[in-house]
């Protein structure tokens, strides 16, 4: 199971008011959440009402800052599953270059 999504954050988004004035960056926690949501899309069985929660963040690396207005490609690929836990390899890409890589674990509810 895998999924690919894309997003972009406007420079007018209020999160940039304090992160950082004069040098806006997309916060790492926002990029991680976007990747978790992409993994949730990859994990979601057709016509299922299963919910997934982020349970673990593993080996997350932020390779370069992401700026407002940049188109971000988000990818998640399922690596394995044990009981209700699903592990994904994730990456965010800007201009064909990885900007975030890592692994996330989701739990089914």
Protein backbone atom coordinates (compact mmCIF):
# COMPACT_ATOMS: atom_id res chain seq x y z
CA UNK A 1 0.00 0.00 0.00
CA UNK A 2 1.26 3.44 -0.86
CA UNK A 3 -0.02 6.96 -1.45
CA UNK A 4 1.23 10.18 -2.96
CA UNK A 5 -0.26 13.57 -2.15
CA UNK A 6 0.76 17.17 -2.67
CA UNK A 7 0.32 20.36 -0.72
CA UNK A 8 1.52 23.92 -0.59
CA UNK A 9 1.38 26.46 2.22
CA UNK A 10 0.54 30.09 1.48
CA UNK A 11 2.88 32.76 2.82
CA UNK A 12 -0.26 34.31 4.36
CA UNK A 13 -0.84 31.29 6.62
CA UNK A 14 -0.85 32.51 10.26
CA UNK A 15 1.65 29.81 11.32
CA UNK A 16 4.38 31.81 9.58
CA UNK A 17 3.83 34.84 11.82
CA UNK A 18 6.04 33.29 14.47
CA UNK A 19 7.98 30.67 12.48
CA UNK A 20 10.10 32.72 11.78
CA UNK A 21 9.50 36.46 11.21
CA UNK A 22 11.46 37.53 8.14
CA UNK A 23 12.56 33.95 7.39
CA UNK A 24 9.39 31.78 7.23
CA UNK A 25 9.76 27.98 7.40
CA UNK A 26 7.12 25.26 7.34
CA UNK A 27 7.37 23.75 10.85
CA UNK A 28 8.68 20.19 11.01
CA UNK A 29 5.65 19.11 13.04
CA UNK A 30 3.37 20.28 10.21
CA UNK A 31 5.40 18.32 7.64
CA UNK A 32 5.30 15.26 9.90
CA UNK A 33 1.52 15.56 10.29
CA UNK A 34 1.10 15.88 6.51
CA UNK A 35 3.16 12.71 6.06
CA UNK A 36 1.09 10.91 8.72
CA UNK A 37 -2.10 11.89 6.90
CA UNK A 38 -0.60 10.57 3.64
CA UNK A 39 0.21 7.28 5.41
CA UNK A 40 -3.38 7.20 6.67
CA UNK A 41 -4.62 7.49 3.10
CA UNK A 42 -2.33 4.62 2.07
CA UNK A 43 -3.52 2.51 5.02
CA UNK A 44 -7.23 3.11 4.62
CA UNK A 45 -9.03 0.06 3.21
CA UNK A 46 -11.70 0.82 0.62
CA UNK A 47 -15.10 1.63 2.15
CA UNK A 48 -13.76 1.18 5.68
CA UNK A 49 -14.50 3.36 8.69
CA UNK A 50 -11.18 2.44 10.34
CA UNK A 51 -9.41 5.39 11.93
CA UNK A 52 -5.64 5.63 12.23
CA UNK A 53 -3.66 7.50 14.86
CA UNK A 54 0.00 8.46 14.74
CA UNK A 55 1.73 6.18 17.28
CA UNK A 56 5.46 6.59 16.60
CA UNK A 57 7.91 8.72 14.68
CA UNK A 58 11.12 6.93 13.73
CA UNK A 59 14.29 8.15 12.07
CA UNK A 60 12.73 11.42 10.87
CA UNK A 61 15.32 13.60 9.13
CA UNK A 62 14.79 17.16 7.93
CA UNK A 63 17.22 17.64 5.06
CA UNK A 64 16.49 21.26 4.21
CA UNK A 65 13.96 23.96 5.15
CA UNK A 66 10.64 24.11 3.31
CA UNK A 67 9.41 27.60 2.51
CA UNK A 68 5.88 28.92 1.96
CA UNK A 69 4.77 28.64 -1.66
CA UNK A 70 6.85 25.54 -2.43
CA UNK A 71 4.92 22.57 -3.82
CA UNK A 72 5.52 19.59 -1.52
CA UNK A 73 5.04 16.02 -2.75
CA UNK A 74 4.24 13.67 0.15
CA UNK A 75 4.80 9.91 -0.18
CA UNK A 76 4.07 7.00 2.14
CA UNK A 77 4.77 3.31 1.52
CA UNK A 78 3.70 0.55 3.89
CA UNK A 79 6.64 -1.49 5.20
CA UNK A 80 4.83 -3.89 7.49
CA UNK A 81 1.99 -4.60 9.88
CA UNK A 82 1.77 -6.26 13.30
CA UNK A 83 -1.67 -6.54 14.89
CA UNK A 84 -3.12 -3.00 14.77
CA UNK A 85 0.22 -1.26 14.03
CA UNK A 86 1.24 -0.27 10.50
CA UNK A 87 4.74 1.00 9.71
CA UNK A 88 5.40 3.34 6.77
CA UNK A 89 8.42 4.74 5.03
CA UNK A 90 7.66 8.40 4.29
CA UNK A 91 9.25 11.25 2.40
CA UNK A 92 8.48 14.81 1.41
CA UNK A 93 9.98 16.11 -1.83
CA UNK A 94 10.38 19.64 -3.20
CA UNK A 95 11.73 20.22 -6.71
CA UNK A 96 12.49 16.49 -7.09
CA UNK A 97 14.73 16.54 -3.99
CA UNK A 98 13.89 14.93 -0.64
CA UNK A 99 13.40 17.45 2.16
CA UNK A 100 12.10 15.05 4.85
CA UNK A 101 12.58 11.29 5.18
CA UNK A 102 11.69 8.82 7.90
CA UNK A 103 9.33 6.19 9.22
CA UNK A 104 5.96 6.54 10.92
CA UNK A 105 3.82 4.03 12.76
CA UNK A 106 0.03 4.29 12.72
CA UNK A 107 -2.33 2.38 14.95
CA UNK A 108 -5.76 1.29 13.74
CA UNK A 109 -8.73 2.23 15.94
